[in-house]
PDB file of N, CA and C in Angstrom:
ATOM      1  N   MET A   1      92.692  82.856  97.663  1.00  0.00           N
ATOM      2  CA  MET A   1      94.009  83.724  98.221  1.00  0.00           C
ATOM      3  C   MET A   1      92.451  84.955  99.028  1.00  0.00           C
ATOM      4  N   ASN A   2      92.592  84.916 100.410  1.00  0.00           N
ATOM      5  CA  ASN A   2      92.172  86.036 101.548  1.00  0.00           C
ATOM      6  C   ASN A   2      92.495  87.455 101.151  1.00  0.00           C
ATOM      7  N   ALA A   3      91.656  87.581 102.021  1.00  0.00           N
ATOM      8  CA  ALA A   3      92.801  89.496 101.937  1.00  0.00           C
ATOM      9  C   ALA A   3      93.122  89.755 103.121  1.00  0.00           C
ATOM     10  N   PHE A   4      93.870  88.825 103.822  1.00  0.00           N
ATOM     11  CA  PHE A   4      95.180  88.356 104.999  1.00  0.00           C
ATOM     12  C   PHE A   4      96.082  87.625 104.041  1.00  0.00           C
ATOM     13  N   GLN A   5      96.147  87.813 102.767  1.00  0.00           N
ATOM     14  CA  GLN A   5      96.814  86.575 102.048  1.00  0.00           C
ATOM     15  C   GLN A   5      97.751  88.027 100.604  1.00  0.00           C
ATOM     16  N   PRO A   6      99.227  88.196 101.083  1.00  0.00           N
ATOM     17  CA  PRO A   6      99.323  88.978  99.967  1.00  0.00           C
ATOM     18  C   PRO A   6      99.398  88.182  97.731  1.00  0.00           C
ATOM     19  N   ASP A   7      99.209  88.422  96.913  1.00  0.00           N
ATOM     20  CA  ASP A   7      99.211  88.409  95.587  1.00  0.00           C
ATOM     21  C   ASP A   7     101.016  88.273  95.938  1.00  0.00           C
ATOM     22  N   PRO A   8     101.244  86.224  95.113  1.00  0.00           N
ATOM     23  CA  PRO A   8     102.173  85.938  95.124  1.00  0.00           C
ATOM     24  C   PRO A   8     103.384  86.760  94.314  1.00  0.00           C
ATOM     25  N   LEU A   9     102.649  87.506  93.297  1.00  0.00           N
ATOM     26  CA  LEU A   9     103.397  88.408  92.245  1.00  0.00           C
ATOM     27  C   LEU A   9     103.793  89.532  92.665  1.00  0.00           C
ATOM     28  N   LEU A  10     102.810  90.056  93.729  1.00  0.00           N
ATOM     29  CA  LEU A  10     104.248  91.036  94.334  1.00  0.00           C
ATOM     30  C   LEU A  10     105.053  90.768  95.205  1.00  0.00           C
ATOM     31  N   LEU A  11     104.745  89.149  95.583  1.00  0.00           N
ATOM     32  CA  LEU A  11     106.275  88.729  96.627  1.00  0.00           C
ATOM     33  C   LEU A  11     107.646  88.441  96.093  1.00  0.00           C
ATOM     34  N   ASN A  12     106.920  88.100  94.856  1.00  0.00           N
ATOM     35  CA  ASN A  12     107.836  87.636  93.940  1.00  0.00           C
ATOM     36  C   ASN A  12     109.348  89.127  93.477  1.00  0.00           C
ATOM     37  N   PHE A  13     107.899  90.318  92.926  1.00  0.00           N
ATOM     38  CA  PHE A  13     108.096  90.930  93.206  1.00  0.00           C
ATOM     39  C   PHE A  13     109.658  91.904  93.892  1.00  0.00           C
ATOM     40  N   ILE A  14     108.969  92.197  95.273  1.00  0.00           N
ATOM     41  CA  ILE A  14     109.800  92.600  96.242  1.00  0.00           C
ATOM     42  C   ILE A  14     111.022  91.408  96.567  1.00  0.00           C
ATOM     43  N   LEU A  15     110.990  89.949  96.194  1.00  0.00           N
ATOM     44  CA  LEU A  15     111.819  89.417  96.810  1.00  0.00           C
ATOM     45  C   LEU A  15     113.468  90.066  95.939  1.00  0.00           C
ATOM     46  N   LEU A  16     112.644  89.353  94.785  1.00  0.00           N
ATOM     47  CA  LEU A  16     113.604  90.074  92.903  1.00  0.00           C
ATOM     48  C   LEU A  16     114.330  91.388  93.408  1.00  0.00           C
ATOM     49  N   LYS A  17     113.302  92.640  93.839  1.00  0.00           N
ATOM     50  CA  LYS A  17     113.609  94.155  94.055  1.00  0.00           C
ATOM     51  C   LYS A  17     114.227  94.002  95.230  1.00  0.00           C
ATOM     52  N   GLU A  18     114.442  93.570  96.568  1.00  0.00           N
ATOM     53  CA  GLU A  18     114.972  93.762  97.335  1.00  0.00           C
ATOM     54  C   GLU A  18     116.017  93.320  97.828  1.00  0.00           C
ATOM     55  N   ILE A  19     115.933  91.994  97.326  1.00  0.00           N
ATOM     56  CA  ILE A  19     116.809  90.961  98.253  1.00  0.00           C
ATOM     57  C   ILE A  19     118.300  91.011  96.844  1.00  0.00           C
ATOM     58  N   ALA A  20     116.995  89.917  95.829  1.00  0.00           N
ATOM     59  CA  ALA A  20     118.078  88.974  94.757  1.00  0.00           C
ATOM     60  C   ALA A  20     118.668  89.920  93.559  1.00  0.00           C
ATOM     61  N   TYR A  21     118.549  90.657  92.938  1.00  0.00           N
ATOM     62  CA  TYR A  21     118.349  91.754  92.070  1.00  0.00           C
ATOM     63  C   TYR A  21     119.962  92.126  92.020  1.00  0.00           C
ATOM     64  N   LEU A  22     120.422  93.608  92.673  1.00  0.00           N
ATOM     65  CA  LEU A  22     121.652  93.749  93.337  1.00  0.00           C
ATOM     66  C   LEU A  22     122.387  93.081  93.509  1.00  0.00           C
ATOM     67  N   PRO A  23     122.698  91.847  94.614  1.00  0.00           N
ATOM     68  CA  PRO A  23     123.999  90.819  93.915  1.00  0.00           C
ATOM     69  C   PRO A  23     123.984  90.027  92.387  1.00  0.00           C
ATOM     70  N   ALA A  24     122.567  89.655  92.393  1.00  0.00           N
ATOM     71  CA  ALA A  24     123.141  88.948  91.061  1.00  0.00           C
ATOM     72  C   ALA A  24     123.712  90.417  89.631  1.00  0.00           C
ATOM     73  N   LEU A  25     123.646  91.134  89.646  1.00  0.00           N
ATOM     74  CA  LEU A  25     124.200  92.349  88.960  1.00  0.00           C
ATOM     75  C   LEU A  25     125.096  92.266  89.688  1.00  0.00           C
ATOM     76  N   ALA A  26     126.105  92.561  90.692  1.00  0.00           N
ATOM     77  CA  ALA A  26     126.974  92.492  91.387  1.00  0.00           C
ATOM     78  C   ALA A  26     127.811  91.384  90.154  1.00  0.00           C
ATOM     79  N   ILE A  27     127.435  89.698  90.304  1.00  0.00           N
ATOM     80  CA  ILE A  27     128.064  89.082  89.945  1.00  0.00           C
ATOM     81  C   ILE A  27     128.313  88.805  88.254  1.00  0.00           C
ATOM     82  N   LEU A  28     127.006  89.986  87.331  1.00  0.00           N
ATOM     83  CA  LEU A  28     127.125  89.986  86.531  1.00  0.00           C
ATOM     84  C   LEU A  28     128.321  90.857  85.929  1.00  0.00           C
ATOM     85  N   ALA A  29     128.142  91.931  86.369  1.00  0.00           N
ATOM     86  CA  ALA A  29     129.152  92.971  86.501  1.00  0.00           C
ATOM     87  C   ALA A  29     130.598  92.735  86.485  1.00  0.00           C
ATOM     88  N   LEU A  30     130.508  92.037  87.869  1.00  0.00           N
ATOM     89  CA  LEU A  30     132.259  91.422  87.921  1.00  0.00           C
ATOM     90  C   LEU A  30     132.983  90.364  86.934  1.00  0.00           C
ATOM     91  N   LEU A  31     131.662  89.498  86.364  1.00  0.00           N
ATOM     92  CA  LEU A  31     132.473  88.794  85.225  1.00  0.00           C
ATOM     93  C   LEU A  31     132.649  89.609  83.713  1.00  0.00           C
ATOM     94  N   ARG A  32     132.014  90.626  83.951  1.00  0.00           N
ATOM     95  CA  ARG A  32     131.972  91.705  82.937  1.00  0.00           C
ATOM     96  C   ARG A  32     133.697  92.343  83.228  1.00  0.00           C
ATOM     97  N   VAL A  33     133.613  92.538  84.865  1.00  0.00           N
ATOM     98  CA  VAL A  33     135.270  93.714  84.392  1.00  0.00           C
ATOM     99  C   VAL A  33     136.549  92.450  83.617  1.00  0.00           C
ATOM    100  N   LEU A  34     136.209  91.277  85.264  1.00  0.00           N
ATOM    101  CA  LEU A  34     137.425  90.762  84.417  1.00  0.00           C
ATOM    102  C   LEU A  34     137.492  89.754  82.456  1.00  0.00           C
ATOM    103  N   SER A  35     136.336  90.019  82.105  1.00  0.00           N
ATOM    104  CA  SER A  35     136.683  89.051  80.808  1.00  0.00           C
ATOM    105  C   SER A  35     136.387  90.416  80.159  1.00  0.00           C
ATOM    106  N   ALA A  36     135.851  91.758  80.410  1.00  0.00           N
ATOM    107  CA  ALA A  36     136.160  92.964  79.411  1.00  0.00           C
ATOM    108  C   ALA A  36     137.935  93.815  79.219  1.00  0.00           C
ATOM    109  N   ARG A  37     137.506  94.468  78.267  1.00  0.00           N
ATOM    110  CA  ARG A  37     138.920  96.054  77.996  1.00  0.00           C
ATOM    111  C   ARG A  37     138.402  97.099  77.726  1.00  0.00           C
ATOM    112  N   ALA A  38     139.054  97.462  78.040  1.00  0.00           N
ATOM    113  CA  ALA A  38     139.254  99.210  77.573  1.00  0.00           C
ATOM    114  C   ALA A  38     137.592  99.756  78.305  1.00  0.00           C
ATOM    115  N   GLY A  39     137.088 100.451  77.682  1.00  0.00           N
ATOM    116  CA  GLY A  39     135.666 100.774  78.190  1.00  0.00           C
ATOM    117  C   GLY A  39     135.049 100.508  78.503  1.00  0.00           C
ATOM    118  N   ALA A  40     133.894  99.111  78.243  1.00  0.00           N
ATOM    119  CA  ALA A  40     133.605  98.224  78.420  1.00  0.00           C
ATOM    120  C   ALA A  40     133.976  97.802  79.727  1.00  0.00           C
ATOM    121  N   ARG A  41     135.133  98.082  80.828  1.00  0.00           N
ATOM    122  CA  ARG A  41     135.708  97.346  81.733  1.00  0.00           C
ATOM    123  C   ARG A  41     135.313  98.094  82.758  1.00  0.00           C
ATOM    124  N   TRP A  42     135.714  99.472  82.457  1.00  0.00           N
ATOM    125  CA  TRP A  42     135.112 100.776  83.005  1.00  0.00           C
ATOM    126  C   TRP A  42     133.334 100.965  83.250  1.00  0.00           C
ATOM    127  N   ALA A  43     133.128 100.577  82.398  1.00  0.00           N
ATOM    128  CA  ALA A  43     131.702 100.767  82.792  1.00  0.00           C
ATOM    129  C   ALA A  43     130.937  99.696  83.038  1.00  0.00           C
ATOM    130  N   ALA A  44     131.546  98.259  83.456  1.00  0.00           N
ATOM    131  CA  ALA A  44     130.667  97.552  84.129  1.00  0.00           C
ATOM    132  C   ALA A  44     131.936  97.670  85.402  1.00  0.00           C
ATOM    133  N   GLY A  45     132.883  98.319  85.828  1.00  0.00           N
ATOM    134  CA  GLY A  45     133.076  98.741  87.007  1.00  0.00           C
ATOM    135  C   GLY A  45     132.407  99.224  87.289  1.00  0.00           C
ATOM    136  N   LEU A  46     131.790 100.423  86.830  1.00  0.00           N
ATOM    137  CA  LEU A  46     131.582 101.207  87.710  1.00  0.00           C
ATOM    138  C   LEU A  46     129.253 100.674  88.002  1.00  0.00           C
ATOM    139  N   ALA A  47     129.007  99.670  87.024  1.00  0.00           N
ATOM    140  CA  ALA A  47     128.071  99.247  87.501  1.00  0.00           C
ATOM    141  C   ALA A  47     128.272  97.874  88.898  1.00  0.00           C
ATOM    142  N   LEU A  48     129.804  97.096  89.235  1.00  0.00           N
ATOM    143  CA  LEU A  48     129.407  96.892  90.190  1.00  0.00           C
ATOM    144  C   LEU A  48     129.559  97.519  91.626  1.00  0.00           C
ATOM    145  N   LEU A  49     129.841  98.139  91.862  1.00  0.00           N
ATOM    146  CA  LEU A  49     130.057  99.227  92.294  1.00  0.00           C
ATOM    147  C   LEU A  49     129.057  99.773  92.533  1.00  0.00           C
ATOM    148  N   LEU A  50     128.524 100.748  91.849  1.00  0.00           N
ATOM    149  CA  LEU A  50     126.578 100.909  92.292  1.00  0.00           C
ATOM    150  C   LEU A  50     125.765  99.855  93.060  1.00  0.00           C
ATOM    151  N   ALA A  51     125.941  98.815  92.471  1.00  0.00           N
ATOM    152  CA  ALA A  51     125.791  97.440  92.378  1.00  0.00           C
ATOM    153  C   ALA A  51     125.584  96.962  94.083  1.00  0.00           C
ATOM    154  N   VAL A  52     127.098  97.169  94.336  1.00  0.00           N
ATOM    155  CA  VAL A  52     127.006  96.827  96.318  1.00  0.00           C
ATOM    156  C   VAL A  52     126.614  97.948  96.419  1.00  0.00           C
ATOM    157  N   LEU A  53     127.323  98.853  96.843  1.00  0.00           N
ATOM    158  CA  LEU A  53     126.571 100.049  97.210  1.00  0.00           C
ATOM    159  C   LEU A  53     125.379  99.934  96.822  1.00  0.00           C
ATOM    160  N   GLY A  54     124.625 100.020  96.363  1.00  0.00           N
ATOM    161  CA  GLY A  54     122.774  99.619  96.376  1.00  0.00           C
ATOM    162  C   GLY A  54     123.137  98.577  97.531  1.00  0.00           C
ATOM    163  N   ALA A  55     123.172  97.260  97.308  1.00  0.00           N
ATOM    164  CA  ALA A  55     123.131  95.945  98.020  1.00  0.00           C
ATOM    165  C   ALA A  55     123.201  95.861  99.428  1.00  0.00           C
ATOM    166  N   ALA A  56     124.211  97.209 100.020  1.00  0.00           N
ATOM    167  CA  ALA A  56     124.972  96.952 100.912  1.00  0.00           C
ATOM    168  C   ALA A  56     123.360  98.059 101.555  1.00  0.00           C
ATOM    169  N   ALA A  57     123.409  99.766 100.565  1.00  0.00           N
ATOM    170  CA  ALA A  57     121.997  99.914 101.296  1.00  0.00           C
ATOM    171  C   ALA A  57     120.380  99.226 101.604  1.00  0.00           C
ATOM    172  N   LEU A  58     120.401  98.328 100.664  1.00  0.00           N
ATOM    173  CA  LEU A  58     119.178  98.090 100.483  1.00  0.00           C
ATOM    174  C   LEU A  58     119.731  96.801 102.217  1.00  0.00           C
ATOM    175  N   LEU A  59     120.609  95.897 102.255  1.00  0.00           N
ATOM    176  CA  LEU A  59     120.556  94.795 103.117  1.00  0.00           C
ATOM    177  C   LEU A  59     121.295  95.251 103.988  1.00  0.00           C
ATOM    178  N   GLY A  60     122.747  96.353 104.372  1.00  0.00           N
ATOM    179  CA  GLY A  60     123.518  96.820 105.383  1.00  0.00           C
ATOM    180  C   GLY A  60     122.540  97.203 106.620  1.00  0.00           C
ATOM    181  N   PRO A  61     121.699  97.815 106.384  1.00  0.00           N
ATOM    182  CA  PRO A  61     121.537  98.065 108.100  1.00  0.00           C
ATOM    183  C   PRO A  61     120.117  96.700 109.050  1.00  0.00           C
ATOM    184  N   ALA A  62     119.044  96.004 107.942  1.00  0.00           N
ATOM    185  CA  ALA A  62     118.706  94.852 108.650  1.00  0.00           C
ATOM    186  C   ALA A  62     120.091  94.060 109.290  1.00  0.00           C
ATOM    187  N   MET A  63     120.485  93.479 107.711  1.00  0.00           N
ATOM    188  CA  MET A  63     121.923  92.022 108.465  1.00  0.00           C
ATOM    189  C   MET A  63     122.931  93.228 110.026  1.00  0.00           C
ATOM    190  N   THR A  64     122.699  93.614 109.666  1.00  0.00           N
ATOM    191  CA  THR A  64     123.518  95.054 110.668  1.00  0.00           C
ATOM    192  C   THR A  64     123.109  94.926 112.040  1.00  0.00           C
ATOM    193  N   GLY A  65     121.800  95.349 112.301  1.00  0.00           N
ATOM    194  CA  GLY A  65     121.028  94.916 113.216  1.00  0.00           C
ATOM    195  C   GLY A  65     120.868  96.577 113.409  1.00  0.00           C
ATOM    196  N   MET A  66     121.455  96.941 112.579  1.00  0.00           N
ATOM    197  CA  MET A  66     121.505  99.546 112.724  1.00  0.00           C
ATOM    198  C   MET A  66     119.681  99.425 112.521  1.00  0.00           C
ATOM    199  N   GLN A  67     119.553 100.245 113.434  1.00  0.00           N
ATOM    200  CA  GLN A  67     118.348 100.863 114.358  1.00  0.00           C
ATOM    201  C   GLN A  67     118.336 102.075 113.058  1.00  0.00           C
ATOM    202  N   GLY A  68     119.124 103.133 113.696  1.00  0.00           N
ATOM    203  CA  GLY A  68     119.319 104.843 113.606  1.00  0.00           C
ATOM    204  C   GLY A  68     120.812 104.903 113.582  1.00  0.00           C
ATOM    205  N   GLY A  69     119.991 106.659 113.432  1.00  0.00           N
ATOM    206  CA  GLY A  69     121.760 107.027 112.484  1.00  0.00           C
ATOM    207  C   GLY A  69     121.417 107.852 111.598  1.00  0.00           C
ATOM    208  N   THR A  70     122.111 108.458 110.492  1.00  0.00           N
ATOM    209  CA  THR A  70     122.268 109.253 110.145  1.00  0.00           C
ATOM    210  C   THR A  70     122.795 107.568 108.849  1.00  0.00           C
ATOM    211  N   VAL A  71     123.852 106.779 108.959  1.00  0.00           N
ATOM    212  CA  VAL A  71     123.778 106.401 107.196  1.00  0.00           C
ATOM    213  C   VAL A  71     122.545 105.066 107.190  1.00  0.00           C
ATOM    214  N   THR A  72     122.427 104.651 108.340  1.00  0.00           N
ATOM    215  CA  THR A  72     120.962 103.831 108.301  1.00  0.00           C
ATOM    216  C   THR A  72     119.863 105.217 107.807  1.00  0.00           C
ATOM    217  N   ARG A  73     119.348 105.950 108.113  1.00  0.00           N
ATOM    218  CA  ARG A  73     118.329 106.291 107.222  1.00  0.00           C
ATOM    219  C   ARG A  73     118.776 106.843 105.747  1.00  0.00           C
ATOM    220  N   ALA A  74     120.045 107.238 105.335  1.00  0.00           N
ATOM    221  CA  ALA A  74     120.179 107.303 103.974  1.00  0.00           C
ATOM    222  C   ALA A  74     120.633 106.566 103.393  1.00  0.00           C
ATOM    223  N   ALA A  75     120.516 104.679 103.866  1.00  0.00           N
ATOM    224  CA  ALA A  75     120.411 104.197 102.788  1.00  0.00           C
ATOM    225  C   ALA A  75     119.331 103.703 103.161  1.00  0.00           C
ATOM    226  N   MET A  76     118.665 103.501 104.208  1.00  0.00           N
ATOM    227  CA  MET A  76     117.087 103.459 104.034  1.00  0.00           C
ATOM    228  C   MET A  76     116.094 104.502 103.008  1.00  0.00           C
ATOM    229  N   ARG A  77     116.640 105.779 102.921  1.00  0.00           N
ATOM    230  CA  ARG A  77     116.179 106.627 101.930  1.00  0.00           C
ATOM    231  C   ARG A  77     116.457 106.531 100.441  1.00  0.00           C
ATOM    232  N   ALA A  78     117.727 106.033 100.085  1.00  0.00           N
ATOM    233  CA  ALA A  78     118.521 105.454  99.235  1.00  0.00           C
ATOM    234  C   ALA A  78     117.610 104.017  98.636  1.00  0.00           C
ATOM    235  N   GLY A  79     117.381 103.106  99.337  1.00  0.00           N
ATOM    236  CA  GLY A  79     116.217 102.296  99.218  1.00  0.00           C
ATOM    237  C   GLY A  79     114.952 102.641  98.936  1.00  0.00           C
ATOM    238  N   ASP A  80     114.584 103.807  99.395  1.00  0.00           N
ATOM    239  CA  ASP A  80     113.123 103.727  99.069  1.00  0.00           C
ATOM    240  C   ASP A  80     112.942 104.793  97.620  1.00  0.00           C
ATOM    241  N   LEU A  81     113.568 105.322  96.596  1.00  0.00           N
ATOM    242  CA  LEU A  81     114.045 106.141  96.156  1.00  0.00           C
ATOM    243  C   LEU A  81     113.266 105.584  94.126  1.00  0.00           C
ATOM    244  N   GLY A  82     112.148 107.024  94.285  1.00  0.00           N
ATOM    245  CA  GLY A  82     111.754 106.146  93.230  1.00  0.00           C
ATOM    246  C   GLY A  82     110.779 104.542  93.566  1.00  0.00           C
ATOM    247  N   GLY A  83     109.843 104.629  94.785  1.00  0.00           N
ATOM    248  CA  GLY A  83     109.578 103.507  95.002  1.00  0.00           C
ATOM    249  C   GLY A  83     110.285 102.143  95.254  1.00  0.00           C
ATOM    250  N   GLY A  84     111.713 101.853  95.381  1.00  0.00           N
ATOM    251  CA  GLY A  84     112.199 101.475  94.744  1.00  0.00           C
ATOM    252  C   GLY A  84     112.839 100.657  94.076  1.00  0.00           C
ATOM    253  N   MET A  85     113.041 101.422  92.391  1.00  0.00           N
ATOM    254  CA  MET A  85     112.772 101.398  91.659  1.00  0.00           C
ATOM    255  C   MET A  85     114.692 101.735  91.191  1.00  0.00           C
ATOM    256  N   ALA A  86     114.598 102.632  92.244  1.00  0.00           N
ATOM    257  CA  ALA A  86     115.583 104.275  91.054  1.00  0.00           C
ATOM    258  C   ALA A  86     117.002 102.664  91.662  1.00  0.00           C
ATOM    259  N   LEU A  87     117.171 102.830  92.851  1.00  0.00           N
ATOM    260  CA  LEU A  87     118.606 101.985  92.580  1.00  0.00           C
ATOM    261  C   LEU A  87     118.709 100.607  91.857  1.00  0.00           C
ATOM    262  N   PRO A  88     118.130  99.572  91.442  1.00  0.00           N
ATOM    263  CA  PRO A  88     118.531  98.626  90.210  1.00  0.00           C
ATOM    264  C   PRO A  88     118.268  99.471  89.433  1.00  0.00           C
ATOM    265  N   LEU A  89     117.870 100.335  88.445  1.00  0.00           N
ATOM    266  CA  LEU A  89     117.879 100.652  87.484  1.00  0.00           C
ATOM    267  C   LEU A  89     119.004 101.588  86.874  1.00  0.00           C
ATOM    268  N   ILE A  90     119.419 102.663  88.112  1.00  0.00           N
ATOM    269  CA  ILE A  90     120.181 103.510  88.279  1.00  0.00           C
ATOM    270  C   ILE A  90     122.041 102.277  88.136  1.00  0.00           C
ATOM    271  N   ALA A  91     122.055 101.347  89.147  1.00  0.00           N
ATOM    272  CA  ALA A  91     123.132 100.384  88.631  1.00  0.00           C
ATOM    273  C   ALA A  91     122.865  99.866  87.567  1.00  0.00           C
ATOM    274  N   SER A  92     121.943  99.260  87.099  1.00  0.00           N
ATOM    275  CA  SER A  92     121.761  98.790  85.608  1.00  0.00           C
ATOM    276  C   SER A  92     122.157  99.596  84.560  1.00  0.00           C
ATOM    277  N   ALA A  93     122.048 100.708  85.040  1.00  0.00           N
ATOM    278  CA  ALA A  93     122.272 101.551  82.871  1.00  0.00           C
ATOM    279  C   ALA A  93     123.490 101.140  82.748  1.00  0.00           C
ATOM    280  N   PRO A  94     124.828 101.253  84.056  1.00  0.00           N
ATOM    281  CA  PRO A  94     126.811 100.990  82.905  1.00  0.00           C
ATOM    282  C   PRO A  94     127.089  99.906  82.471  1.00  0.00           C
ATOM    283  N   MET A  95     125.573  98.844  83.065  1.00  0.00           N
ATOM    284  CA  MET A  95     126.050  97.406  82.708  1.00  0.00           C
ATOM    285  C   MET A  95     125.420  97.299  81.304  1.00  0.00           C
ATOM    286  N   LEU A  96     124.089  98.227  80.578  1.00  0.00           N
ATOM    287  CA  LEU A  96     123.864  98.360  79.917  1.00  0.00           C
ATOM    288  C   LEU A  96     124.655  99.069  78.635  1.00  0.00           C
ATOM    289  N   VAL A  97     125.164 100.064  79.398  1.00  0.00           N
ATOM    290  CA  VAL A  97     125.986 100.885  78.305  1.00  0.00           C
ATOM    291  C   VAL A  97     127.826  99.726  78.238  1.00  0.00           C
ATOM    292  N   SER A  98     127.686  99.338  78.931  1.00  0.00           N
ATOM    293  CA  SER A  98     129.308  98.473  78.778  1.00  0.00           C
ATOM    294  C   SER A  98     129.044  97.068  77.808  1.00  0.00           C
ATOM    295  N   SER A  99     127.168  97.447  77.361  1.00  0.00           N
ATOM    296  CA  SER A  99     127.439  95.928  76.419  1.00  0.00           C
ATOM    297  C   SER A  99     127.311  96.580  75.102  1.00  0.00           C
ATOM    298  N   MET A 100     127.058  97.861  74.602  1.00  0.00           N
ATOM    299  CA  MET A 100     127.661  99.193  73.250  1.00  0.00           C
ATOM    300  C   MET A 100     128.997  99.184  73.044  1.00  0.00           C
ATOM    301  N   LEU A 101     130.156  99.272  74.690  1.00  0.00           N
ATOM    302  CA  LEU A 101     131.150  99.893  74.253  1.00  0.00           C
ATOM    303  C   LEU A 101     131.952  98.528  73.804  1.00  0.00           C
ATOM    304  N   PRO A 102     133.682  98.978  72.955  1.00  0.00           N
ATOM    305  CA  PRO A 102     133.817  98.086  72.311  1.00  0.00           C
ATOM    306  C   PRO A 102     134.911  97.248  73.276  1.00  0.00           C
ATOM    307  N   GLY A 103     135.199  96.340  73.281  1.00  0.00           N
ATOM    308  CA  GLY A 103     136.052  94.894  73.810  1.00  0.00           C
ATOM    309  C   GLY A 103     135.329  94.420  74.762  1.00  0.00           C
ATOM    310  N   THR A 104     133.833  94.369  74.535  1.00  0.00           N
ATOM    311  CA  THR A 104     132.618  93.697  75.244  1.00  0.00           C
ATOM    312  C   THR A 104     132.697  92.345  74.320  1.00  0.00           C
ATOM    313  N   ARG A 105     133.264  91.250  75.827  1.00  0.00           N
ATOM    314  CA  ARG A 105     133.202  89.582  75.146  1.00  0.00           C
ATOM    315  C   ARG A 105     132.544  89.091  76.707  1.00  0.00           C
ATOM    316  N   TRP A 106     131.478  87.971  75.909  1.00  0.00           N
ATOM    317  CA  TRP A 106     130.993  87.405  76.763  1.00  0.00           C
ATOM    318  C   TRP A 106     129.729  87.684  76.792  1.00  0.00           C
ATOM    319  N   ARG A 107     129.192  88.137  75.814  1.00  0.00           N
ATOM    320  CA  ARG A 107     127.420  88.056  74.980  1.00  0.00           C
ATOM    321  C   ARG A 107     126.151  87.694  76.140  1.00  0.00           C
ATOM    322  N   TRP A 108     126.981  86.292  76.119  1.00  0.00           N
ATOM    323  CA  TRP A 108     125.857  86.106  77.404  1.00  0.00           C
ATOM    324  C   TRP A 108     125.268  86.317  78.835  1.00  0.00           C
ATOM    325  N   ILE A 109     126.698  87.127  79.886  1.00  0.00           N
ATOM    326  CA  ILE A 109     126.292  88.369  80.060  1.00  0.00           C
ATOM    327  C   ILE A 109     125.550  88.909  79.739  1.00  0.00           C
ATOM    328  N   ASP A 110     125.607  89.725  78.723  1.00  0.00           N
ATOM    329  CA  ASP A 110     124.195  90.663  78.524  1.00  0.00           C
ATOM    330  C   ASP A 110     123.107  89.918  78.359  1.00  0.00           C
ATOM    331  N   ALA A 111     122.896  88.517  77.505  1.00  0.00           N
ATOM    332  CA  ALA A 111     121.745  88.255  77.351  1.00  0.00           C
ATOM    333  C   ALA A 111     121.199  87.722  79.029  1.00  0.00           C
ATOM    334  N   LEU A 112     121.978  87.585  80.085  1.00  0.00           N
ATOM    335  CA  LEU A 112     121.659  87.188  81.612  1.00  0.00           C
ATOM    336  C   LEU A 112     120.755  88.327  81.881  1.00  0.00           C
ATOM    337  N   HIS A 113     121.900  89.513  81.920  1.00  0.00           N
ATOM    338  CA  HIS A 113     121.402  91.234  82.381  1.00  0.00           C
ATOM    339  C   HIS A 113     120.245  91.211  81.921  1.00  0.00           C
ATOM    340  N   ILE A 114     120.078  90.944  80.878  1.00  0.00           N
ATOM    341  CA  ILE A 114     118.905  91.675  79.966  1.00  0.00           C
ATOM    342  C   ILE A 114     117.364  90.589  80.822  1.00  0.00           C
ATOM    343  N   LEU A 115     117.559  89.427  80.527  1.00  0.00           N
ATOM    344  CA  LEU A 115     116.347  88.183  81.850  1.00  0.00           C
ATOM    345  C   LEU A 115     116.260  89.192  82.966  1.00  0.00           C
ATOM    346  N   LEU A 116     117.486  89.550  83.719  1.00  0.00           N
ATOM    347  CA  LEU A 116     117.313  89.725  85.321  1.00  0.00           C
ATOM    348  C   LEU A 116     116.537  90.867  84.663  1.00  0.00           C
ATOM    349  N   LEU A 117     116.689  91.838  83.907  1.00  0.00           N
ATOM    350  CA  LEU A 117     116.069  93.842  83.851  1.00  0.00           C
ATOM    351  C   LEU A 117     114.753  93.651  83.774  1.00  0.00           C
ATOM    352  N   GLY A 118     114.591  92.590  82.438  1.00  0.00           N
ATOM    353  CA  GLY A 118     113.406  92.017  82.108  1.00  0.00           C
ATOM    354  C   GLY A 118     112.439  91.337  83.049  1.00  0.00           C
ATOM    355  N   ALA A 119     113.149  91.073  84.055  1.00  0.00           N
ATOM    356  CA  ALA A 119     111.919  90.150  85.235  1.00  0.00           C
ATOM    357  C   ALA A 119     111.786  91.024  86.391  1.00  0.00           C
ATOM    358  N   LEU A 120     112.261  92.140  86.944  1.00  0.00           N
ATOM    359  CA  LEU A 120     112.492  93.190  87.370  1.00  0.00           C
ATOM    360  C   LEU A 120     111.348  93.535  86.786  1.00  0.00           C
ATOM    361  N   LEU A 121     111.260  94.413  84.644  1.00  0.00           N
ATOM    362  CA  LEU A 121     110.309  95.086  84.613  1.00  0.00           C
ATOM    363  C   LEU A 121     109.239  94.767  84.817  1.00  0.00           C
ATOM    364  N   GLY A 122     109.047  93.795  84.597  1.00  0.00           N
ATOM    365  CA  GLY A 122     107.744  92.327  83.690  1.00  0.00           C
ATOM    366  C   GLY A 122     106.883  92.296  84.944  1.00  0.00           C
ATOM    367  N   LEU A 123     107.710  91.910  86.892  1.00  0.00           N
ATOM    368  CA  LEU A 123     107.365  92.354  87.423  1.00  0.00           C
ATOM    369  C   LEU A 123     106.916  93.512  88.373  1.00  0.00           C
ATOM    370  N   TRP A 124     107.390  94.234  87.288  1.00  0.00           N
ATOM    371  CA  TRP A 124     106.683  95.435  88.562  1.00  0.00           C
ATOM    372  C   TRP A 124     105.568  96.016  87.307  1.00  0.00           C
ATOM    373  N   LEU A 125     105.585  96.059  86.755  1.00  0.00           N
ATOM    374  CA  LEU A 125     104.104  96.693  85.588  1.00  0.00           C
ATOM    375  C   LEU A 125     103.289  94.969  86.499  1.00  0.00           C
ATOM    376  N   LEU A 126     103.401  94.276  85.928  1.00  0.00           N
ATOM    377  CA  LEU A 126     101.930  93.465  86.684  1.00  0.00           C
ATOM    378  C   LEU A 126     101.843  93.581  88.297  1.00  0.00           C
ATOM    379  N   ALA A 127     102.279  94.109  88.830  1.00  0.00           N
ATOM    380  CA  ALA A 127     102.113  94.786  90.188  1.00  0.00           C
ATOM    381  C   ALA A 127     101.573  95.633  90.644  1.00  0.00           C
ATOM    382  N   ARG A 128     101.494  96.994  89.524  1.00  0.00           N
ATOM    383  CA  ARG A 128     101.004  97.841  89.988  1.00  0.00           C
ATOM    384  C   ARG A 128      99.763  97.581  90.038  1.00  0.00           C
TER     385      ARG A 128
END
């Protein structure tokens, strides 16, 4: 690897954080909404909403070709909060809460979410 090639670890972290994490979280949250009852369903619904809005903020401007405008700038600022880690972590919080509330079923969803969150945090720590 020379000075002009980025570290593969950093590339994997950026790929996970910017493209894969929020859509994967949205799928897991949707499965939890469909399977859970009571408070766990509401918390997962909030996680689903945050994941979809976060993915739209990160991917929307680039996919639609929007260059400027108030909404685009606000979406870019939201995506940059906390070095880009704020959106994934904020969206994951209600999903973690839903795993502890009554009415939770399909515990494998929690296991996949913990693996996904662990991969994001692990790559973030290693890429620093």
